[in-house]
Amino acid sequence: MASPTEKDEVRSRGIRSIAIPSISWNKKSRWQKRLLIKGSEWQHDYVCGILTHSNPIPAPTDQKKRIAVNSKKILATAAATIGLSMSLAMPAQADTANPNLDNQMSPETCKSQAASGYKFAIYYNSNYGGAWRNIGYGVYDFGHVPIGGAPQGGLQPLRYCGTGAGANQDIKNNAASAKNKHSSYYGVLYYNSGYKGNADWIGWQNSWSKLINTYNQNASFSWQSI
Protein backbone atom coordinates (compact mmCIF):
# COMPACT_ATOMS: atom_id res chain seq x y z
CA MET A 1 0.00 0.00 0.00
CA ALA A 2 1.04 3.60 -0.59
CA SER A 3 2.39 5.59 2.34
CA PRO A 4 0.15 8.36 3.88
CA THR A 5 2.46 10.99 2.42
CA GLU A 6 2.00 9.70 -1.11
CA LYS A 7 -1.81 9.46 -0.66
CA ASP A 8 -1.93 13.04 0.63
CA GLU A 9 0.07 14.13 -2.39
CA VAL A 10 -2.50 12.56 -4.68
CA ARG A 11 -5.42 14.18 -2.82
CA SER A 12 -3.74 17.59 -2.80
CA ARG A 13 -3.70 17.61 -6.59
CA GLY A 14 -7.45 17.09 -6.72
CA ILE A 15 -7.06 14.08 -8.98
CA ARG A 16 -9.54 11.18 -8.91
CA SER A 17 -8.02 7.90 -7.67
CA ILE A 18 -8.77 4.34 -8.74
CA ALA A 19 -7.36 1.44 -6.76
CA ILE A 20 -5.69 -1.34 -8.71
CA PRO A 21 -4.19 -4.55 -7.32
CA SER A 22 -1.60 -3.71 -4.65
CA ILE A 23 2.07 -4.21 -5.36
CA SER A 24 4.66 -5.36 -2.87
CA TRP A 25 6.61 -2.55 -1.33
CA ASN A 26 9.97 -3.88 -2.44
CA LYS A 27 8.85 -3.35 -6.08
CA LYS A 28 7.79 0.24 -5.48
CA SER A 29 10.56 1.85 -7.53
CA ARG A 30 9.60 -0.19 -10.58
CA TRP A 31 6.00 1.06 -10.49
CA GLN A 32 6.55 4.68 -9.48
CA LYS A 33 6.03 6.39 -12.81
CA ARG A 34 4.90 9.76 -13.91
CA LEU A 35 3.63 10.65 -17.33
CA LEU A 36 3.06 14.26 -18.20
CA ILE A 37 1.96 15.09 -21.74
CA LYS A 38 2.88 18.69 -22.47
CA GLY A 39 0.20 20.95 -23.86
CA SER A 40 -2.67 18.73 -22.69
CA GLU A 41 -4.55 17.90 -19.52
CA TRP A 42 -3.90 14.17 -19.72
CA GLN A 43 -1.90 12.69 -16.88
CA HIS A 44 -1.67 9.54 -14.86
CA ASP A 45 0.47 8.36 -12.04
CA TYR A 46 1.39 4.94 -10.78
CA VAL A 47 2.15 5.34 -7.06
CA CYS A 48 2.62 2.06 -5.24
CA GLY A 49 -0.44 0.44 -6.72
CA ILE A 50 -2.66 3.57 -6.96
CA LEU A 51 -3.56 4.85 -10.44
CA THR A 52 -4.56 8.51 -10.54
CA HIS A 53 -5.84 10.35 -13.54
CA SER A 54 -7.90 13.36 -14.44
CA ASN A 55 -9.10 12.00 -17.79
CA PRO A 56 -8.77 8.73 -19.76
CA ILE A 57 -5.44 8.47 -21.51
CA PRO A 58 -5.71 8.45 -25.32
CA ALA A 59 -3.85 5.85 -27.35
CA PRO A 60 -0.41 7.09 -28.40
CA THR A 61 -0.24 8.45 -31.93
CA ASP A 62 2.05 5.68 -33.15
CA GLN A 63 -0.36 3.06 -31.74
CA LYS A 64 -3.26 4.68 -33.60
CA LYS A 65 -1.21 4.54 -36.78
CA ARG A 66 -0.49 0.85 -36.26
CA ILE A 67 -4.18 0.14 -35.69
CA ALA A 68 -5.10 2.03 -38.87
CA VAL A 69 -2.46 0.21 -40.93
CA ASN A 70 -3.50 -3.20 -39.57
CA SER A 71 -7.16 -2.43 -40.30
CA LYS A 72 -6.29 -1.56 -43.89
CA LYS A 73 -4.31 -4.79 -44.25
CA ILE A 74 -7.26 -6.83 -42.94
CA LEU A 75 -9.66 -5.13 -45.35
CA ALA A 76 -7.26 -5.61 -48.25
CA THR A 77 -6.85 -9.32 -47.44
CA ALA A 78 -10.62 -9.78 -47.20
CA ALA A 79 -11.13 -7.99 -50.52
CA ALA A 80 -8.47 -10.14 -52.18
CA THR A 81 -10.08 -13.31 -50.83
CA ILE A 82 -13.50 -12.26 -52.07
CA GLY A 83 -12.01 -11.30 -55.44
CA LEU A 84 -10.39 -14.71 -55.80
CA SER A 85 -13.56 -16.64 -55.03
CA MET A 86 -15.48 -14.41 -57.44
CA SER A 87 -12.93 -15.00 -60.21
CA LEU A 88 -13.40 -18.77 -59.94
CA ALA A 89 -17.09 -18.78 -60.75
CA MET A 90 -17.66 -15.51 -62.56
CA PRO A 91 -16.60 -14.59 -66.09
CA ALA A 92 -13.70 -12.44 -67.11
CA GLN A 93 -15.70 -10.36 -69.56
CA ALA A 94 -18.84 -9.34 -67.62
CA ASP A 95 -21.14 -10.21 -64.74
CA THR A 96 -24.33 -12.10 -65.47
CA ALA A 97 -27.36 -13.07 -63.43
CA ASN A 98 -27.08 -16.71 -64.54
CA PRO A 99 -23.69 -17.80 -65.89
CA ASN A 100 -24.85 -21.41 -66.26
CA LEU A 101 -27.72 -20.32 -68.49
CA ASP A 102 -25.36 -18.26 -70.65
CA ASN A 103 -22.82 -21.09 -70.90
CA GLN A 104 -25.61 -23.45 -71.97
CA MET A 105 -27.83 -21.31 -74.19
CA SER A 106 -25.97 -18.25 -75.49
CA PRO A 107 -25.49 -18.13 -79.28
CA GLU A 108 -21.86 -17.15 -78.54
CA THR A 109 -21.11 -20.71 -77.48
CA CYS A 110 -21.24 -22.20 -80.97
CA LYS A 111 -19.75 -19.43 -83.10
CA SER A 112 -16.19 -19.74 -84.36
CA GLN A 113 -13.77 -18.56 -81.72
CA ALA A 114 -12.75 -15.62 -83.90
CA ALA A 115 -16.37 -14.43 -84.08
CA SER A 116 -17.50 -15.31 -80.55
CA GLY A 117 -17.62 -12.82 -77.71
CA TYR A 118 -16.67 -15.68 -75.39
CA LYS A 119 -12.92 -15.85 -74.88
CA PHE A 120 -12.20 -19.51 -74.20
CA ALA A 121 -12.65 -22.39 -76.65
CA ILE A 122 -12.31 -26.07 -75.86
CA TYR A 123 -11.83 -28.74 -78.56
CA TYR A 124 -12.56 -32.43 -78.86
CA ASN A 125 -9.33 -33.27 -80.68
CA SER A 126 -5.71 -32.18 -80.41
CA ASN A 127 -4.55 -29.33 -82.65
CA TYR A 128 -7.96 -27.66 -82.30
CA GLY A 129 -9.65 -30.34 -84.36
CA GLY A 130 -13.15 -31.76 -84.32
CA ALA A 131 -16.06 -30.20 -82.45
CA TRP A 132 -15.61 -27.25 -80.09
CA ARG A 133 -17.46 -25.03 -77.66
CA ASN A 134 -16.84 -21.45 -76.52
CA ILE A 135 -17.03 -20.80 -72.78
CA GLY A 136 -17.66 -17.40 -71.25
CA TYR A 137 -17.98 -18.16 -67.54
CA GLY A 138 -16.62 -20.47 -64.87
CA VAL A 139 -17.92 -24.03 -64.97
CA TYR A 140 -18.05 -25.83 -61.62
CA ASP A 141 -18.71 -29.20 -63.23
CA PHE A 142 -18.85 -29.83 -66.98
CA GLY A 143 -21.05 -32.83 -66.22
CA HIS A 144 -23.83 -30.74 -64.69
CA VAL A 145 -24.48 -27.11 -65.62
CA PRO A 146 -28.07 -26.49 -64.45
CA ILE A 147 -29.82 -23.47 -65.91
CA GLY A 148 -32.38 -23.07 -63.12
CA GLY A 149 -36.07 -22.35 -63.49
CA ALA A 150 -38.59 -25.17 -63.30
CA PRO A 151 -37.42 -28.41 -61.67
CA GLN A 152 -35.47 -30.48 -64.17
CA GLY A 153 -34.60 -34.11 -63.80
CA GLY A 154 -31.21 -35.62 -64.45
CA LEU A 155 -27.88 -34.02 -65.23
CA GLN A 156 -27.43 -31.12 -67.63
CA PRO A 157 -23.92 -31.57 -69.06
CA LEU A 158 -22.17 -29.06 -71.27
CA ARG A 159 -21.77 -30.49 -74.78
CA TYR A 160 -19.76 -29.75 -77.90
CA CYS A 161 -21.23 -27.74 -80.76
CA GLY A 162 -20.22 -27.90 -84.40
CA THR A 163 -19.92 -30.85 -86.68
CA GLY A 164 -17.45 -33.63 -87.13
CA ALA A 165 -15.71 -35.69 -84.49
CA GLY A 166 -17.13 -35.17 -81.00
CA ALA A 167 -20.20 -33.11 -82.03
CA ASN A 168 -22.91 -33.17 -79.34
CA GLN A 169 -20.75 -35.26 -77.01
CA ASP A 170 -20.20 -34.31 -73.38
CA ILE A 171 -17.22 -32.05 -72.75
CA LYS A 172 -16.39 -33.51 -69.34
CA ASN A 173 -13.30 -35.74 -69.47
CA ASN A 174 -13.41 -35.44 -73.24
CA ALA A 175 -11.19 -32.53 -74.36
CA ALA A 176 -7.78 -32.49 -76.02
CA SER A 177 -6.88 -28.84 -76.81
CA ALA A 178 -7.94 -25.29 -75.99
CA LYS A 179 -7.55 -21.63 -76.94
CA ASN A 180 -7.70 -18.52 -74.77
CA LYS A 181 -8.07 -15.16 -76.50
CA HIS A 182 -8.65 -13.12 -73.35
CA SER A 183 -6.27 -10.19 -72.90
CA SER A 184 -5.63 -10.47 -69.15
CA TYR A 185 -6.96 -13.74 -67.65
CA TYR A 186 -5.72 -17.30 -67.57
CA GLY A 187 -8.21 -19.92 -68.66
CA VAL A 188 -7.76 -22.83 -66.24
CA LEU A 189 -8.98 -26.38 -66.83
CA TYR A 190 -9.08 -28.64 -63.76
CA TYR A 191 -8.82 -32.41 -63.41
CA ASN A 192 -11.63 -32.48 -60.83
CA SER A 193 -14.93 -30.67 -60.57
CA GLY A 194 -15.10 -27.73 -58.17
CA TYR A 195 -11.85 -26.19 -59.50
CA LYS A 196 -9.69 -28.85 -57.83
CA GLY A 197 -6.87 -31.20 -58.70
CA ASN A 198 -4.19 -30.85 -61.35
CA ALA A 199 -4.77 -28.07 -63.84
CA ASP A 200 -3.71 -26.64 -67.16
CA TRP A 201 -3.24 -22.87 -67.04
CA ILE A 202 -3.65 -21.52 -70.55
CA GLY A 203 -2.25 -18.00 -70.64
CA TRP A 204 -4.05 -15.03 -72.12
CA GLN A 205 -3.93 -14.84 -75.91
CA ASN A 206 -2.42 -18.30 -75.92
CA SER A 207 -3.40 -21.78 -77.04
CA TRP A 208 -2.45 -25.35 -76.25
CA SER A 209 -2.56 -27.80 -79.13
CA LYS A 210 -2.60 -30.65 -76.61
CA LEU A 211 -3.62 -30.47 -72.97
CA ILE A 212 -1.23 -31.97 -70.42
CA ASN A 213 -2.73 -32.40 -66.95
CA THR A 214 -6.33 -32.48 -68.14
CA TYR A 215 -6.11 -34.32 -71.46
CA ASN A 216 -9.43 -36.22 -71.59
CA GLN A 217 -9.62 -35.56 -67.83
CA ASN A 218 -11.19 -32.10 -67.73
CA ALA A 219 -13.93 -31.61 -65.16
CA SER A 220 -14.18 -27.87 -64.44
CA PHE A 221 -13.03 -24.47 -65.69
CA SER A 222 -12.35 -21.03 -64.24
CA TRP A 223 -10.89 -17.65 -65.14
CA GLN A 224 -7.90 -16.70 -63.04
CA SER A 225 -5.71 -13.63 -62.68
CA ILE A 226 -2.37 -13.63 -60.85
C-alpha atoms as a PDB file:
ATOM      1  CA  MET A   1       0.000   0.000   0.000  1.00  0.00           C
ATOM      2  CA  ALA A   2       1.044   3.597  -0.586  1.00  0.00           C
ATOM      3  CA  SER A   3       2.388   5.593   2.340  1.00  0.00           C
ATOM      4  CA  PRO A   4       0.152   8.364   3.881  1.00  0.00           C
ATOM      5  CA  THR A   5       2.461  10.993   2.424  1.00  0.00           C
ATOM      6  CA  GLU A   6       1.997   9.697  -1.108  1.00  0.00           C
ATOM      7  CA  LYS A   7      -1.811   9.460  -0.664  1.00  0.00           C
ATOM      8  CA  ASP A   8      -1.927  13.035   0.635  1.00  0.00           C
ATOM      9  CA  GLU A   9       0.075  14.133  -2.391  1.00  0.00           C
ATOM     10  CA  VAL A  10      -2.497  12.563  -4.682  1.00  0.00           C
ATOM     11  CA  ARG A  11      -5.420  14.179  -2.823  1.00  0.00           C
ATOM     12  CA  SER A  12      -3.737  17.591  -2.801  1.00  0.00           C
ATOM     13  CA  ARG A  13      -3.703  17.611  -6.591  1.00  0.00           C
ATOM     14  CA  GLY A  14      -7.451  17.092  -6.722  1.00  0.00           C
ATOM     15  CA  ILE A  15      -7.055  14.078  -8.979  1.00  0.00           C
ATOM     16  CA  ARG A  16      -9.535  11.181  -8.911  1.00  0.00           C
ATOM     17  CA  SER A  17      -8.017   7.902  -7.666  1.00  0.00           C
ATOM     18  CA  ILE A  18      -8.772   4.338  -8.738  1.00  0.00           C
ATOM     19  CA  ALA A  19      -7.361   1.439  -6.756  1.00  0.00           C
ATOM     20  CA  ILE A  20      -5.691  -1.341  -8.714  1.00  0.00           C
ATOM     21  CA  PRO A  21      -4.187  -4.548  -7.324  1.00  0.00           C
ATOM     22  CA  SER A  22      -1.595  -3.711  -4.653  1.00  0.00           C
ATOM     23  CA  ILE A  23       2.065  -4.207  -5.357  1.00  0.00           C
ATOM     24  CA  SER A  24       4.664  -5.359  -2.873  1.00  0.00           C
ATOM     25  CA  TRP A  25       6.613  -2.547  -1.328  1.00  0.00           C
ATOM     26  CA  ASN A  26       9.975  -3.884  -2.442  1.00  0.00           C
ATOM     27  CA  LYS A  27       8.850  -3.348  -6.077  1.00  0.00           C
ATOM     28  CA  LYS A  28       7.790   0.244  -5.478  1.00  0.00           C
ATOM     29  CA  SER A  29      10.561   1.852  -7.530  1.00  0.00           C
ATOM     30  CA  ARG A  30       9.597  -0.192 -10.584  1.00  0.00           C
ATOM     31  CA  TRP A  31       5.995   1.063 -10.488  1.00  0.00           C
ATOM     32  CA  GLN A  32       6.545   4.679  -9.484  1.00  0.00           C
ATOM     33  CA  LYS A  33       6.033   6.388 -12.815  1.00  0.00           C
ATOM     34  CA  ARG A  34       4.904   9.759 -13.911  1.00  0.00           C
ATOM     35  CA  LEU A  35       3.633  10.654 -17.334  1.00  0.00           C
ATOM     36  CA  LEU A  36       3.061  14.257 -18.203  1.00  0.00           C
ATOM     37  CA  ILE A  37       1.962  15.090 -21.743  1.00  0.00           C
ATOM     38  CA  LYS A  38       2.882  18.693 -22.469  1.00  0.00           C
ATOM     39  CA  GLY A  39       0.200  20.946 -23.862  1.00  0.00           C
ATOM     40  CA  SER A  40      -2.666  18.731 -22.694  1.00  0.00           C
ATOM     41  CA  GLU A  41      -4.551  17.901 -19.515  1.00  0.00           C
ATOM     42  CA  TRP A  42      -3.895  14.167 -19.720  1.00  0.00           C
ATOM     43  CA  GLN A  43      -1.902  12.692 -16.881  1.00  0.00           C
ATOM     44  CA  HIS A  44      -1.670   9.540 -14.856  1.00  0.00           C
ATOM     45  CA  ASP A  45       0.474   8.356 -12.038  1.00  0.00           C
ATOM     46  CA  TYR A  46       1.394   4.939 -10.783  1.00  0.00           C
ATOM     47  CA  VAL A  47       2.149   5.337  -7.059  1.00  0.00           C
ATOM     48  CA  CYS A  48       2.623   2.063  -5.236  1.00  0.00           C
ATOM     49  CA  GLY A  49      -0.442   0.435  -6.717  1.00  0.00           C
ATOM     50  CA  ILE A  50      -2.663   3.569  -6.956  1.00  0.00           C
ATOM     51  CA  LEU A  51      -3.563   4.852 -10.440  1.00  0.00           C
ATOM     52  CA  THR A  52      -4.555   8.505 -10.535  1.00  0.00           C
ATOM     53  CA  HIS A  53      -5.840  10.347 -13.544  1.00  0.00           C
ATOM     54  CA  SER A  54      -7.897  13.362 -14.438  1.00  0.00           C
ATOM     55  CA  ASN A  55      -9.095  11.996 -17.788  1.00  0.00           C
ATOM     56  CA  PRO A  56      -8.773   8.726 -19.758  1.00  0.00           C
ATOM     57  CA  ILE A  57      -5.440   8.475 -21.513  1.00  0.00           C
ATOM     58  CA  PRO A  58      -5.713   8.446 -25.318  1.00  0.00           C
ATOM     59  CA  ALA A  59      -3.848   5.852 -27.352  1.00  0.00           C
ATOM     60  CA  PRO A  60      -0.411   7.092 -28.397  1.00  0.00           C
ATOM     61  CA  THR A  61      -0.240   8.447 -31.927  1.00  0.00           C
ATOM     62  CA  ASP A  62       2.047   5.681 -33.146  1.00  0.00           C
ATOM     63  CA  GLN A  63      -0.362   3.056 -31.737  1.00  0.00           C
ATOM     64  CA  LYS A  64      -3.260   4.679 -33.600  1.00  0.00           C
ATOM     65  CA  LYS A  65      -1.208   4.536 -36.783  1.00  0.00           C
ATOM     66  CA  ARG A  66      -0.490   0.847 -36.256  1.00  0.00           C
ATOM     67  CA  ILE A  67      -4.184   0.143 -35.691  1.00  0.00           C
ATOM     68  CA  ALA A  68      -5.103   2.032 -38.870  1.00  0.00           C
ATOM     69  CA  VAL A  69      -2.464   0.211 -40.929  1.00  0.00           C
ATOM     70  CA  ASN A  70      -3.504  -3.200 -39.569  1.00  0.00           C
ATOM     71  CA  SER A  71      -7.159  -2.432 -40.303  1.00  0.00           C
ATOM     72  CA  LYS A  72      -6.291  -1.555 -43.894  1.00  0.00           C
ATOM     73  CA  LYS A  73      -4.313  -4.787 -44.250  1.00  0.00           C
ATOM     74  CA  ILE A  74      -7.261  -6.833 -42.940  1.00  0.00           C
ATOM     75  CA  LEU A  75      -9.659  -5.133 -45.346  1.00  0.00           C
ATOM     76  CA  ALA A  76      -7.262  -5.612 -48.254  1.00  0.00           C
ATOM     77  CA  THR A  77      -6.850  -9.318 -47.441  1.00  0.00           C
ATOM     78  CA  ALA A  78     -10.622  -9.777 -47.197  1.00  0.00           C
ATOM     79  CA  ALA A  79     -11.130  -7.991 -50.515  1.00  0.00           C
ATOM     80  CA  ALA A  80      -8.471 -10.140 -52.179  1.00  0.00           C
ATOM     81  CA  THR A  81     -10.084 -13.307 -50.831  1.00  0.00           C
ATOM     82  CA  ILE A  82     -13.505 -12.256 -52.074  1.00  0.00           C
ATOM     83  CA  GLY A  83     -12.007 -11.298 -55.435  1.00  0.00           C
ATOM     84  CA  LEU A  84     -10.387 -14.706 -55.803  1.00  0.00           C
ATOM     85  CA  SER A  85     -13.565 -16.644 -55.033  1.00  0.00           C
ATOM     86  CA  MET A  86     -15.483 -14.409 -57.442  1.00  0.00           C
ATOM     87  CA  SER A  87     -12.930 -15.002 -60.208  1.00  0.00           C
ATOM     88  CA  LEU A  88     -13.400 -18.767 -59.942  1.00  0.00           C
ATOM     89  CA  ALA A  89     -17.091 -18.775 -60.751  1.00  0.00           C
ATOM     90  CA  MET A  90     -17.659 -15.512 -62.565  1.00  0.00           C
ATOM     91  CA  PRO A  91     -16.597 -14.593 -66.093  1.00  0.00           C
ATOM     92  CA  ALA A  92     -13.701 -12.438 -67.112  1.00  0.00           C
ATOM     93  CA  GLN A  93     -15.698 -10.361 -69.557  1.00  0.00           C
ATOM     94  CA  ALA A  94     -18.842  -9.341 -67.619  1.00  0.00           C
ATOM     95  CA  ASP A  95     -21.140 -10.214 -64.743  1.00  0.00           C
ATOM     96  CA  THR A  96     -24.332 -12.097 -65.469  1.00  0.00           C
ATOM     97  CA  ALA A  97     -27.363 -13.075 -63.429  1.00  0.00           C
ATOM     98  CA  ASN A  98     -27.082 -16.709 -64.536  1.00  0.00           C
ATOM     99  CA  PRO A  99     -23.685 -17.803 -65.892  1.00  0.00           C
ATOM    100  CA  ASN A 100     -24.847 -21.407 -66.261  1.00  0.00           C
ATOM    101  CA  LEU A 101     -27.718 -20.319 -68.492  1.00  0.00           C
ATOM    102  CA  ASP A 102     -25.363 -18.264 -70.655  1.00  0.00           C
ATOM    103  CA  ASN A 103     -22.822 -21.087 -70.900  1.00  0.00           C
ATOM    104  CA  GLN A 104     -25.606 -23.453 -71.967  1.00  0.00           C
ATOM    105  CA  MET A 105     -27.826 -21.307 -74.189  1.00  0.00           C
ATOM    106  CA  SER A 106     -25.972 -18.249 -75.485  1.00  0.00           C
ATOM    107  CA  PRO A 107     -25.487 -18.126 -79.276  1.00  0.00           C
ATOM    108  CA  GLU A 108     -21.862 -17.146 -78.545  1.00  0.00           C
ATOM    109  CA  THR A 109     -21.109 -20.709 -77.479  1.00  0.00           C
ATOM    110  CA  CYS A 110     -21.244 -22.198 -80.971  1.00  0.00           C
ATOM    111  CA  LYS A 111     -19.754 -19.426 -83.096  1.00  0.00           C
ATOM    112  CA  SER A 112     -16.189 -19.739 -84.360  1.00  0.00           C
ATOM    113  CA  GLN A 113     -13.774 -18.560 -81.721  1.00  0.00           C
ATOM    114  CA  ALA A 114     -12.746 -15.625 -83.896  1.00  0.00           C
ATOM    115  CA  ALA A 115     -16.370 -14.431 -84.075  1.00  0.00           C
ATOM    116  CA  SER A 116     -17.499 -15.307 -80.549  1.00  0.00           C
ATOM    117  CA  GLY A 117     -17.618 -12.821 -77.712  1.00  0.00           C
ATOM    118  CA  TYR A 118     -16.667 -15.679 -75.392  1.00  0.00           C
ATOM    119  CA  LYS A 119     -12.922 -15.853 -74.880  1.00  0.00           C
ATOM    120  CA  PHE A 120     -12.196 -19.514 -74.199  1.00  0.00           C
ATOM    121  CA  ALA A 121     -12.650 -22.388 -76.649  1.00  0.00           C
ATOM    122  CA  ILE A 122     -12.312 -26.074 -75.857  1.00  0.00           C
ATOM    123  CA  TYR A 123     -11.826 -28.736 -78.555  1.00  0.00           C
ATOM    124  CA  TYR A 124     -12.564 -32.429 -78.857  1.00  0.00           C
ATOM    125  CA  ASN A 125      -9.331 -33.267 -80.681  1.00  0.00           C
ATOM    126  CA  SER A 126      -5.708 -32.181 -80.411  1.00  0.00           C
ATOM    127  CA  ASN A 127      -4.551 -29.332 -82.649  1.00  0.00           C
ATOM    128  CA  TYR A 128      -7.965 -27.664 -82.299  1.00  0.00           C
ATOM    129  CA  GLY A 129      -9.648 -30.338 -84.358  1.00  0.00           C
ATOM    130  CA  GLY A 130     -13.149 -31.758 -84.316  1.00  0.00           C
ATOM    131  CA  ALA A 131     -16.065 -30.195 -82.452  1.00  0.00           C
ATOM    132  CA  TRP A 132     -15.613 -27.246 -80.094  1.00  0.00           C
ATOM    133  CA  ARG A 133     -17.457 -25.029 -77.658  1.00  0.00           C
ATOM    134  CA  ASN A 134     -16.839 -21.453 -76.524  1.00  0.00           C
ATOM    135  CA  ILE A 135     -17.027 -20.799 -72.780  1.00  0.00           C
ATOM    136  CA  GLY A 136     -17.659 -17.402 -71.249  1.00  0.00           C
ATOM    137  CA  TYR A 137     -17.981 -18.162 -67.544  1.00  0.00           C
ATOM    138  CA  GLY A 138     -16.618 -20.466 -64.869  1.00  0.00           C
ATOM    139  CA  VAL A 139     -17.923 -24.034 -64.968  1.00  0.00           C
ATOM    140  CA  TYR A 140     -18.048 -25.833 -61.618  1.00  0.00           C
ATOM    141  CA  ASP A 141     -18.709 -29.203 -63.227  1.00  0.00           C
ATOM    142  CA  PHE A 142     -18.845 -29.832 -66.980  1.00  0.00           C
ATOM    143  CA  GLY A 143     -21.051 -32.828 -66.219  1.00  0.00           C
ATOM    144  CA  HIS A 144     -23.827 -30.744 -64.690  1.00  0.00           C
ATOM    145  CA  VAL A 145     -24.476 -27.107 -65.617  1.00  0.00           C
ATOM    146  CA  PRO A 146     -28.070 -26.490 -64.451  1.00  0.00           C
ATOM    147  CA  ILE A 147     -29.816 -23.465 -65.908  1.00  0.00           C
ATOM    148  CA  GLY A 148     -32.375 -23.066 -63.122  1.00  0.00           C
ATOM    149  CA  GLY A 149     -36.068 -22.351 -63.488  1.00  0.00           C
ATOM    150  CA  ALA A 150     -38.587 -25.170 -63.296  1.00  0.00           C
ATOM    151  CA  PRO A 151     -37.416 -28.405 -61.665  1.00  0.00           C
ATOM    152  CA  GLN A 152     -35.468 -30.481 -64.166  1.00  0.00           C
ATOM    153  CA  GLY A 153     -34.598 -34.111 -63.797  1.00  0.00           C
ATOM    154  CA  GLY A 154     -31.206 -35.624 -64.451  1.00  0.00           C
ATOM    155  CA  LEU A 155     -27.876 -34.016 -65.230  1.00  0.00           C
ATOM    156  CA  GLN A 156     -27.426 -31.124 -67.629  1.00  0.00           C
ATOM    157  CA  PRO A 157     -23.925 -31.568 -69.056  1.00  0.00           C
ATOM    158  CA  LEU A 158     -22.172 -29.060 -71.267  1.00  0.00           C
ATOM    159  CA  ARG A 159     -21.771 -30.495 -74.781  1.00  0.00           C
ATOM    160  CA  TYR A 160     -19.760 -29.748 -77.897  1.00  0.00           C
ATOM    161  CA  CYS A 161     -21.227 -27.742 -80.760  1.00  0.00           C
ATOM    162  CA  GLY A 162     -20.218 -27.904 -84.402  1.00  0.00           C
ATOM    163  CA  THR A 163     -19.923 -30.855 -86.678  1.00  0.00           C
ATOM    164  CA  GLY A 164     -17.445 -33.626 -87.128  1.00  0.00           C
ATOM    165  CA  ALA A 165     -15.712 -35.685 -84.486  1.00  0.00           C
ATOM    166  CA  GLY A 166     -17.126 -35.167 -80.998  1.00  0.00           C
ATOM    167  CA  ALA A 167     -20.196 -33.109 -82.031  1.00  0.00           C
ATOM    168  CA  ASN A 168     -22.906 -33.172 -79.341  1.00  0.00           C
ATOM    169  CA  GLN A 169     -20.750 -35.262 -77.013  1.00  0.00           C
ATOM    170  CA  ASP A 170     -20.199 -34.310 -73.377  1.00  0.00           C
ATOM    171  CA  ILE A 171     -17.223 -32.048 -72.747  1.00  0.00           C
ATOM    172  CA  LYS A 172     -16.393 -33.506 -69.336  1.00  0.00           C
ATOM    173  CA  ASN A 173     -13.304 -35.741 -69.474  1.00  0.00           C
ATOM    174  CA  ASN A 174     -13.414 -35.441 -73.240  1.00  0.00           C
ATOM    175  CA  ALA A 175     -11.187 -32.531 -74.365  1.00  0.00           C
ATOM    176  CA  ALA A 176      -7.775 -32.489 -76.017  1.00  0.00           C
ATOM    177  CA  SER A 177      -6.884 -28.839 -76.812  1.00  0.00           C
ATOM    178  CA  ALA A 178      -7.940 -25.295 -75.990  1.00  0.00           C
ATOM    179  CA  LYS A 179      -7.550 -21.633 -76.943  1.00  0.00           C
ATOM    180  CA  ASN A 180      -7.695 -18.519 -74.766  1.00  0.00           C
ATOM    181  CA  LYS A 181      -8.070 -15.160 -76.501  1.00  0.00           C
ATOM    182  CA  HIS A 182      -8.650 -13.120 -73.349  1.00  0.00           C
ATOM    183  CA  SER A 183      -6.268 -10.192 -72.905  1.00  0.00           C
ATOM    184  CA  SER A 184      -5.635 -10.469 -69.155  1.00  0.00           C
ATOM    185  CA  TYR A 185      -6.958 -13.735 -67.651  1.00  0.00           C
ATOM    186  CA  TYR A 186      -5.717 -17.298 -67.566  1.00  0.00           C
ATOM    187  CA  GLY A 187      -8.212 -19.918 -68.659  1.00  0.00           C
ATOM    188  CA  VAL A 188      -7.762 -22.830 -66.242  1.00  0.00           C
ATOM    189  CA  LEU A 189      -8.980 -26.377 -66.834  1.00  0.00           C
ATOM    190  CA  TYR A 190      -9.082 -28.643 -63.762  1.00  0.00           C
ATOM    191  CA  TYR A 191      -8.818 -32.407 -63.411  1.00  0.00           C
ATOM    192  CA  ASN A 192     -11.635 -32.477 -60.830  1.00  0.00           C
ATOM    193  CA  SER A 193     -14.934 -30.673 -60.567  1.00  0.00           C
ATOM    194  CA  GLY A 194     -15.103 -27.734 -58.166  1.00  0.00           C
ATOM    195  CA  TYR A 195     -11.849 -26.192 -59.502  1.00  0.00           C
ATOM    196  CA  LYS A 196      -9.693 -28.850 -57.831  1.00  0.00           C
ATOM    197  CA  GLY A 197      -6.873 -31.195 -58.700  1.00  0.00           C
ATOM    198  CA  ASN A 198      -4.186 -30.850 -61.347  1.00  0.00           C
ATOM    199  CA  ALA A 199      -4.766 -28.074 -63.836  1.00  0.00           C
ATOM    200  CA  ASP A 200      -3.714 -26.643 -67.158  1.00  0.00           C
ATOM    201  CA  TRP A 201      -3.238 -22.865 -67.044  1.00  0.00           C
ATOM    202  CA  ILE A 202      -3.653 -21.520 -70.553  1.00  0.00           C
ATOM    203  CA  GLY A 203      -2.251 -18.004 -70.643  1.00  0.00           C
ATOM    204  CA  TRP A 204      -4.054 -15.025 -72.122  1.00  0.00           C
ATOM    205  CA  GLN A 205      -3.932 -14.838 -75.913  1.00  0.00           C
ATOM    206  CA  ASN A 206      -2.423 -18.303 -75.925  1.00  0.00           C
ATOM    207  CA  SER A 207      -3.401 -21.776 -77.045  1.00  0.00           C
ATOM    208  CA  TRP A 208      -2.451 -25.353 -76.250  1.00  0.00           C
ATOM    209  CA  SER A 209      -2.564 -27.805 -79.129  1.00  0.00           C
ATOM    210  CA  LYS A 210      -2.596 -30.646 -76.615  1.00  0.00           C
ATOM    211  CA  LEU A 211      -3.616 -30.471 -72.965  1.00  0.00           C
ATOM    212  CA  ILE A 212      -1.230 -31.965 -70.417  1.00  0.00           C
ATOM    213  CA  ASN A 213      -2.732 -32.403 -66.947  1.00  0.00           C
ATOM    214  CA  THR A 214      -6.334 -32.479 -68.140  1.00  0.00           C
ATOM    215  CA  TYR A 215      -6.106 -34.319 -71.464  1.00  0.00           C
ATOM    216  CA  ASN A 216      -9.431 -36.217 -71.586  1.00  0.00           C
ATOM    217  CA  GLN A 217      -9.616 -35.565 -67.827  1.00  0.00           C
ATOM    218  CA  ASN A 218     -11.189 -32.105 -67.729  1.00  0.00           C
ATOM    219  CA  ALA A 219     -13.935 -31.609 -65.159  1.00  0.00           C
ATOM    220  CA  SER A 220     -14.181 -27.869 -64.443  1.00  0.00           C
ATOM    221  CA  PHE A 221     -13.032 -24.470 -65.690  1.00  0.00           C
ATOM    222  CA  SER A 222     -12.350 -21.027 -64.241  1.00  0.00           C
ATOM    223  CA  TRP A 223     -10.890 -17.650 -65.142  1.00  0.00           C
ATOM    224  CA  GLN A 224      -7.902 -16.699 -63.036  1.00  0.00           C
ATOM    225  CA  SER A 225      -5.710 -13.630 -62.680  1.00  0.00           C
ATOM    226  CA  ILE A 226      -2.369 -13.634 -60.850  1.00  0.00           C
END
